N, C-alpha and C. Protein backbone atom coordinates (compact mmCIF):
# COMPACT_ATOMS: atom_id res chain seq x y z
N MET A 1 -33.11 34.35 -14.17
CA MET A 1 -33.87 33.00 -13.49
C MET A 1 -32.78 33.16 -12.63
N THR A 2 -34.18 32.80 -11.49
CA THR A 2 -33.56 31.88 -10.27
C THR A 2 -34.24 30.48 -10.35
N ILE A 3 -33.83 29.46 -9.33
CA ILE A 3 -34.44 28.56 -9.58
C ILE A 3 -34.93 29.08 -7.33
N ASN A 4 -36.28 28.00 -7.01
CA ASN A 4 -36.14 28.18 -5.94
C ASN A 4 -36.65 26.97 -4.70
N PHE A 5 -35.80 26.33 -4.68
CA PHE A 5 -34.57 25.39 -4.03
C PHE A 5 -36.31 24.88 -2.72
N ALA A 6 -37.56 25.68 -2.72
CA ALA A 6 -38.03 25.11 -1.65
C ALA A 6 -39.44 23.78 -2.18
N SER A 7 -39.06 24.83 -3.55
CA SER A 7 -40.28 23.95 -4.41
C SER A 7 -39.45 22.65 -5.66
N SER A 8 -38.88 22.77 -4.86
CA SER A 8 -37.26 21.39 -6.34
C SER A 8 -37.28 20.03 -5.74
N PRO A 9 -37.21 19.43 -6.16
CA PRO A 9 -36.71 18.38 -5.98
C PRO A 9 -34.56 18.60 -5.16
N LEU A 10 -33.99 19.36 -5.91
CA LEU A 10 -33.10 19.53 -5.80
C LEU A 10 -33.03 20.00 -4.43
N THR A 11 -32.44 19.52 -3.60
CA THR A 11 -32.31 20.38 -2.02
C THR A 11 -30.60 21.10 -2.35
N VAL A 12 -30.42 21.57 -1.56
CA VAL A 12 -29.39 22.95 -1.46
C VAL A 12 -27.75 21.54 -1.09
N SER A 13 -28.13 20.74 -0.30
CA SER A 13 -27.27 19.76 -0.02
C SER A 13 -27.01 18.84 -0.79
N LYS A 14 -27.59 18.09 -1.46
CA LYS A 14 -27.38 17.59 -2.38
C LYS A 14 -27.20 18.34 -4.19
N VAL A 15 -27.11 19.77 -4.39
CA VAL A 15 -26.39 20.24 -4.82
C VAL A 15 -25.33 21.12 -4.42
N TYR A 16 -24.21 20.65 -3.32
CA TYR A 16 -23.70 20.52 -2.85
C TYR A 16 -22.35 19.93 -2.75
N LEU A 17 -23.57 18.87 -2.68
CA LEU A 17 -23.09 17.34 -2.79
C LEU A 17 -22.06 16.88 -4.53
N ASN A 18 -22.80 16.83 -5.04
CA ASN A 18 -23.21 17.23 -6.68
C ASN A 18 -21.81 17.57 -6.94
N LEU A 19 -21.29 19.26 -6.87
CA LEU A 19 -20.56 20.12 -7.45
C LEU A 19 -19.49 18.82 -6.38
N GLN A 20 -19.05 19.29 -5.27
CA GLN A 20 -17.82 18.73 -4.92
C GLN A 20 -17.73 17.62 -5.62
N ALA A 21 -18.61 16.58 -5.24
CA ALA A 21 -18.06 15.11 -6.61
C ALA A 21 -17.45 15.35 -7.93
N HIS A 22 -18.35 16.28 -8.10
CA HIS A 22 -17.67 16.65 -9.98
C HIS A 22 -16.49 17.41 -9.89
N LEU A 23 -15.91 18.46 -9.03
CA LEU A 23 -15.01 18.80 -8.81
C LEU A 23 -13.74 18.04 -8.25
N ARG A 24 -13.80 17.06 -7.62
CA ARG A 24 -13.37 15.99 -6.92
C ARG A 24 -13.09 14.99 -8.33
N ASP A 25 -13.82 14.57 -8.79
CA ASP A 25 -14.01 13.82 -9.80
C ASP A 25 -12.54 14.61 -11.16
N LYS A 26 -13.14 15.72 -11.48
CA LYS A 26 -12.00 16.75 -12.15
C LYS A 26 -10.52 16.99 -11.44
N LEU A 27 -10.85 17.17 -10.28
CA LEU A 27 -8.81 17.13 -10.01
C LEU A 27 -8.46 15.98 -9.90
N VAL A 28 -9.52 15.18 -10.13
CA VAL A 28 -8.20 12.96 -10.33
C VAL A 28 -8.01 12.73 -10.64
N LYS A 29 -8.60 13.79 -11.80
CA LYS A 29 -8.05 13.40 -13.52
C LYS A 29 -6.71 13.84 -13.81
N GLN A 30 -6.89 15.11 -13.38
CA GLN A 30 -5.71 16.01 -13.35
C GLN A 30 -5.15 16.37 -12.81
N ILE A 31 -5.02 15.22 -11.79
CA ILE A 31 -3.77 14.33 -10.91
C ILE A 31 -2.61 13.54 -11.98
N ASP A 32 -4.00 12.24 -12.19
CA ASP A 32 -2.65 12.00 -13.30
C ASP A 32 -1.84 12.79 -14.24
N THR A 33 -2.11 13.53 -14.91
CA THR A 33 -0.99 14.71 -15.43
C THR A 33 -0.31 15.08 -15.28
N LEU A 34 -0.52 15.64 -13.82
CA LEU A 34 0.62 16.17 -13.16
C LEU A 34 2.06 16.58 -12.95
N PRO A 35 2.95 17.02 -14.10
CA PRO A 35 4.33 16.36 -13.31
C PRO A 35 5.14 16.37 -12.26
N LEU A 36 6.55 15.83 -11.82
CA LEU A 36 6.55 15.43 -10.36
C LEU A 36 6.56 16.86 -9.07
N ASP A 37 6.82 18.17 -9.76
CA ASP A 37 7.33 19.36 -8.29
C ASP A 37 6.00 19.55 -8.65
N GLN A 38 4.64 20.04 -9.21
CA GLN A 38 3.61 20.09 -8.99
C GLN A 38 2.38 19.00 -7.72
N LEU A 39 3.03 17.69 -8.21
CA LEU A 39 2.61 16.35 -6.71
C LEU A 39 3.12 17.26 -5.62
N ASP A 40 4.38 17.25 -5.88
CA ASP A 40 4.64 18.08 -4.48
C ASP A 40 4.10 19.49 -4.13
N LYS A 41 3.20 20.08 -4.42
CA LYS A 41 3.15 21.61 -4.17
C LYS A 41 1.71 20.87 -4.31
N MET A 42 1.06 20.39 -4.87
CA MET A 42 -0.98 19.62 -4.36
C MET A 42 -0.91 19.35 -3.25
N LEU A 43 0.09 17.91 -2.34
CA LEU A 43 0.65 17.44 -1.55
C LEU A 43 0.89 17.81 0.20
N GLU A 44 2.14 18.70 0.00
CA GLU A 44 1.91 19.69 1.08
C GLU A 44 1.04 21.15 1.41
N VAL A 45 0.07 22.12 0.39
CA VAL A 45 -1.28 22.43 0.31
C VAL A 45 -2.25 21.04 0.85
N THR A 46 -2.67 20.59 -0.19
CA THR A 46 -3.58 19.35 0.83
C THR A 46 -3.24 18.81 1.89
N PHE A 47 -2.44 18.21 2.02
CA PHE A 47 -2.74 17.03 3.53
C PHE A 47 -2.63 17.26 4.67
N PRO A 48 -2.79 18.86 5.25
CA PRO A 48 -3.95 18.90 6.79
C PRO A 48 -5.35 18.95 6.35
N TYR A 49 -6.28 18.24 5.20
CA TYR A 49 -7.21 17.78 5.01
C TYR A 49 -7.45 17.18 4.50
N ILE A 50 -6.37 15.67 4.91
CA ILE A 50 -6.59 14.31 4.24
C ILE A 50 -7.36 13.56 5.32
N VAL A 51 -7.57 14.65 6.72
CA VAL A 51 -8.79 13.64 7.56
C VAL A 51 -9.83 13.90 7.06
N TYR A 52 -10.55 14.49 5.96
CA TYR A 52 -11.78 14.58 6.08
C TYR A 52 -12.32 13.79 4.30
N GLU A 53 -13.54 12.62 4.62
CA GLU A 53 -12.98 11.30 3.89
C GLU A 53 -13.58 11.64 2.40
N GLU A 54 -14.41 12.74 2.54
CA GLU A 54 -15.03 13.98 0.87
C GLU A 54 -13.80 13.90 0.39
N LEU A 55 -12.63 14.84 0.95
CA LEU A 55 -11.36 14.85 0.17
C LEU A 55 -10.45 13.77 -0.39
N ARG A 56 -10.99 12.42 0.22
CA ARG A 56 -9.19 11.55 0.69
C ARG A 56 -8.95 11.25 -0.83
N GLU A 57 -9.28 11.46 -1.41
CA GLU A 57 -9.41 10.30 -3.24
C GLU A 57 -8.46 10.89 -3.79
N VAL A 58 -8.45 12.50 -3.12
CA VAL A 58 -7.47 13.74 -4.23
C VAL A 58 -6.31 13.76 -3.50
N HIS A 59 -6.28 13.08 -1.81
CA HIS A 59 -5.00 12.64 -1.75
C HIS A 59 -4.12 11.12 -1.94
N LEU A 60 -5.30 10.54 -2.02
CA LEU A 60 -4.77 8.72 -2.60
C LEU A 60 -3.87 9.02 -4.29
N ALA A 61 -5.64 9.84 -5.19
CA ALA A 61 -4.08 10.25 -6.45
C ALA A 61 -3.43 10.20 -6.36
N ILE A 62 -2.73 11.60 -5.19
CA ILE A 62 -1.70 11.81 -5.22
C ILE A 62 -0.77 11.36 -4.65
N LEU A 63 -1.00 10.95 -3.83
CA LEU A 63 -0.12 9.77 -2.99
C LEU A 63 0.83 8.18 -4.20
N LYS A 64 -0.32 7.78 -4.83
CA LYS A 64 -0.02 6.73 -5.29
C LYS A 64 0.43 6.28 -6.54
N ARG A 65 0.81 8.16 -7.01
CA ARG A 65 1.46 8.28 -8.23
C ARG A 65 3.29 8.93 -7.90
N HIS A 66 2.92 9.39 -6.17
CA HIS A 66 4.20 9.98 -6.17
C HIS A 66 4.87 9.02 -6.16
N PRO A 67 6.15 8.51 -6.46
CA PRO A 67 7.61 8.24 -6.63
C PRO A 67 8.20 7.68 -4.90
N ASN A 68 8.31 9.77 -4.75
CA ASN A 68 9.24 9.69 -3.53
C ASN A 68 8.41 10.45 -2.30
N ILE A 69 7.41 10.42 -1.52
CA ILE A 69 6.90 10.92 -0.79
C ILE A 69 7.40 11.52 0.10
N PRO A 70 7.24 12.67 0.51
CA PRO A 70 8.57 13.64 1.55
C PRO A 70 8.80 12.62 2.80
N GLN A 71 9.56 12.22 3.62
CA GLN A 71 8.86 12.09 4.88
C GLN A 71 8.60 12.26 6.05
N PRO A 72 8.30 13.76 6.32
CA PRO A 72 7.57 14.00 6.85
C PRO A 72 5.82 13.59 6.56
N PHE A 73 5.56 13.21 6.08
CA PHE A 73 4.53 12.78 5.29
C PHE A 73 4.26 11.39 5.27
N LEU A 74 5.51 10.30 4.85
CA LEU A 74 5.01 9.37 5.75
C LEU A 74 5.02 8.93 6.69
N ARG A 75 5.29 9.61 7.12
CA ARG A 75 5.72 9.80 9.32
C ARG A 75 4.15 9.43 9.82
N GLN A 76 3.79 10.71 9.32
CA GLN A 76 2.33 10.90 9.99
C GLN A 76 1.07 10.16 9.21
N LEU A 77 1.32 9.46 7.96
CA LEU A 77 0.17 8.64 7.53
C LEU A 77 0.55 7.25 8.65
N GLY A 78 2.51 6.71 8.38
CA GLY A 78 1.63 5.86 9.66
C GLY A 78 1.97 5.07 11.07
N THR A 79 1.78 7.33 11.48
CA THR A 79 1.30 7.11 12.95
C THR A 79 -0.39 6.72 12.80
N ASN A 80 -1.12 7.18 11.83
CA ASN A 80 -2.21 7.39 11.32
C ASN A 80 -3.55 5.68 10.75
N SER A 81 -3.39 4.61 12.09
CA SER A 81 -3.25 3.70 11.73
C SER A 81 -5.29 3.31 10.58
N ASP A 82 -6.29 4.27 10.93
CA ASP A 82 -7.18 4.46 9.81
C ASP A 82 -6.67 4.41 8.70
N LEU A 83 -5.73 5.62 8.41
CA LEU A 83 -5.41 6.13 7.31
C LEU A 83 -4.32 5.27 5.74
N TYR A 84 -3.86 4.34 7.44
CA TYR A 84 -2.89 2.85 6.38
C TYR A 84 -3.49 2.55 6.52
N ALA A 85 -4.78 2.47 6.61
CA ALA A 85 -5.26 0.67 6.28
C ALA A 85 -5.95 1.06 4.35
N ILE A 86 -6.56 2.16 4.05
CA ILE A 86 -6.65 2.45 2.84
C ILE A 86 -5.54 2.94 1.90
N LEU A 87 -4.56 3.32 2.19
CA LEU A 87 -3.48 3.52 1.57
C LEU A 87 -3.47 2.53 0.36
N PRO A 88 -2.86 2.26 -0.51
CA PRO A 88 -1.90 2.00 -2.26
C PRO A 88 -0.44 1.45 -1.30
N LEU A 89 -0.57 -0.11 -1.82
CA LEU A 89 0.50 -0.29 -0.97
C LEU A 89 2.09 -0.30 -1.75
N GLN A 90 1.90 0.57 -2.60
CA GLN A 90 3.18 1.18 -2.71
C GLN A 90 3.29 2.43 -1.58
N VAL A 91 2.89 3.16 -1.16
CA VAL A 91 2.73 3.55 0.11
C VAL A 91 3.40 3.44 0.97
N GLN A 92 2.72 2.40 1.38
CA GLN A 92 3.02 1.37 2.73
C GLN A 92 4.28 1.19 2.91
N ARG A 93 4.71 0.75 1.30
CA ARG A 93 6.18 0.26 1.49
C ARG A 93 7.26 1.80 1.83
N GLN A 94 6.64 2.10 0.60
CA GLN A 94 7.76 4.01 1.13
C GLN A 94 7.16 4.21 2.80
N ILE A 95 5.61 3.76 3.14
CA ILE A 95 5.85 4.37 5.01
C ILE A 95 7.39 3.53 5.91
N TRP A 96 6.79 1.97 5.61
CA TRP A 96 8.38 1.11 5.96
C TRP A 96 9.18 1.10 5.43
N GLN A 97 9.78 2.43 4.66
CA GLN A 97 10.92 2.42 4.32
C GLN A 97 12.07 3.05 5.40
N VAL A 98 10.53 4.10 6.25
CA VAL A 98 11.16 5.27 6.64
C VAL A 98 11.00 4.94 8.28
N CYS A 99 10.12 3.81 8.28
CA CYS A 99 9.20 3.34 9.41
C CYS A 99 9.24 2.23 9.70
N LEU A 100 10.28 1.31 10.51
CA LEU A 100 10.63 -0.25 9.74
C LEU A 100 10.19 -0.64 11.53
N SER A 101 9.55 0.45 12.36
CA SER A 101 9.24 -0.29 13.89
C SER A 101 7.89 -0.18 13.44
N TYR A 102 7.50 0.28 12.24
CA TYR A 102 5.74 -0.07 11.82
C TYR A 102 5.59 -0.81 11.13
N PHE A 103 6.15 -1.82 10.65
CA PHE A 103 6.17 -2.14 9.47
C PHE A 103 6.31 -3.21 10.54
N THR A 104 7.62 -4.09 11.82
CA THR A 104 7.63 -4.80 11.90
C THR A 104 6.38 -4.75 13.30
N VAL A 105 5.54 -3.97 13.79
CA VAL A 105 4.26 -4.13 13.72
C VAL A 105 3.67 -3.86 13.42
N ILE A 106 3.06 -4.07 12.05
CA ILE A 106 2.34 -4.85 11.37
C ILE A 106 2.48 -6.35 11.31
N GLN A 107 3.54 -6.15 10.61
CA GLN A 107 4.00 -8.09 10.50
C GLN A 107 3.48 -8.90 11.82
N THR A 108 3.45 -8.28 13.12
CA THR A 108 3.41 -8.73 14.34
C THR A 108 1.89 -9.11 14.19
N ASP A 109 1.21 -7.91 13.64
CA ASP A 109 -0.42 -8.21 13.86
C ASP A 109 -0.42 -9.47 13.40
N ILE A 110 -0.13 -9.78 11.75
CA ILE A 110 -0.58 -10.15 11.24
C ILE A 110 0.08 -11.74 11.88
N LEU A 111 1.44 -11.95 12.53
CA LEU A 111 1.35 -13.77 12.55
C LEU A 111 0.65 -13.77 13.53
N PHE A 112 0.44 -12.81 14.83
CA PHE A 112 -0.71 -13.27 15.99
C PHE A 112 -1.87 -13.80 15.50
N ARG A 113 -2.35 -13.23 13.95
CA ARG A 113 -3.77 -13.42 13.54
C ARG A 113 -3.40 -14.71 13.11
N LEU A 114 -2.77 -15.35 12.21
CA LEU A 114 -2.46 -16.34 12.05
C LEU A 114 -2.32 -17.78 12.58
N MET A 115 -1.58 -17.08 13.70
CA MET A 115 -1.46 -17.98 15.30
C MET A 115 -2.85 -18.49 15.15
N ARG A 116 -4.00 -17.09 16.18
CA ARG A 116 -4.72 -17.91 16.42
C ARG A 116 -5.43 -18.38 15.24
N ILE A 117 -5.40 -18.43 14.43
CA ILE A 117 -5.95 -19.00 13.25
C ILE A 117 -5.90 -20.45 13.45
N CYS A 118 -4.46 -21.01 13.54
CA CYS A 118 -3.74 -22.39 12.96
C CYS A 118 -4.32 -22.50 14.42
N LEU A 119 -4.43 -21.68 15.74
CA LEU A 119 -5.10 -22.29 17.36
C LEU A 119 -6.24 -23.18 17.27
N GLY A 120 -7.18 -22.24 16.96
CA GLY A 120 -8.11 -22.86 16.37
C GLY A 120 -9.22 -23.82 15.94
N THR A 121 -8.44 -24.22 14.87
CA THR A 121 -8.26 -25.25 13.55
C THR A 121 -7.33 -26.05 13.99
N GLU A 122 -7.42 -27.48 13.55
CA GLU A 122 -5.75 -28.45 13.19
C GLU A 122 -4.85 -27.63 12.23
N TYR A 123 -3.85 -28.57 13.40
CA TYR A 123 -2.15 -27.76 13.36
C TYR A 123 -2.04 -28.30 11.29
N SER A 124 -3.12 -29.24 11.63
CA SER A 124 -2.33 -29.81 9.55
C SER A 124 -3.60 -28.85 8.88
N ARG A 125 -3.76 -28.20 9.61
CA ARG A 125 -3.94 -27.25 8.18
C ARG A 125 -3.85 -26.32 7.17
N CYS A 126 -2.74 -25.74 8.53
CA CYS A 126 -2.14 -24.52 8.28
C CYS A 126 -0.72 -24.52 7.85
């Protein structure tokens, strides 16, 4: 049996996106049960693809479960502010331990934002 996509409401892109979402969700569920050595392997194999938003959920699940992410990965994550912003707090803490200067930059930015807020309002409200 063949499906004629031209006459079907399903497009090839919809099928692809649904299949991708299904496989991604299935993989994320499996990550919860993987032992640490397999998490290491998965992180190493999949890390180059972290720039693809469609796959990022897989990477975030691996990173969130990993108690000791290897330093090279932490350094790369720390240099990408867009990725850093969406990382779970426990991963950010691991980055801070490796890259103390990055922690300082983040804290300085927060301090300057707070100062701008306080200078824009009454000082007693800060």
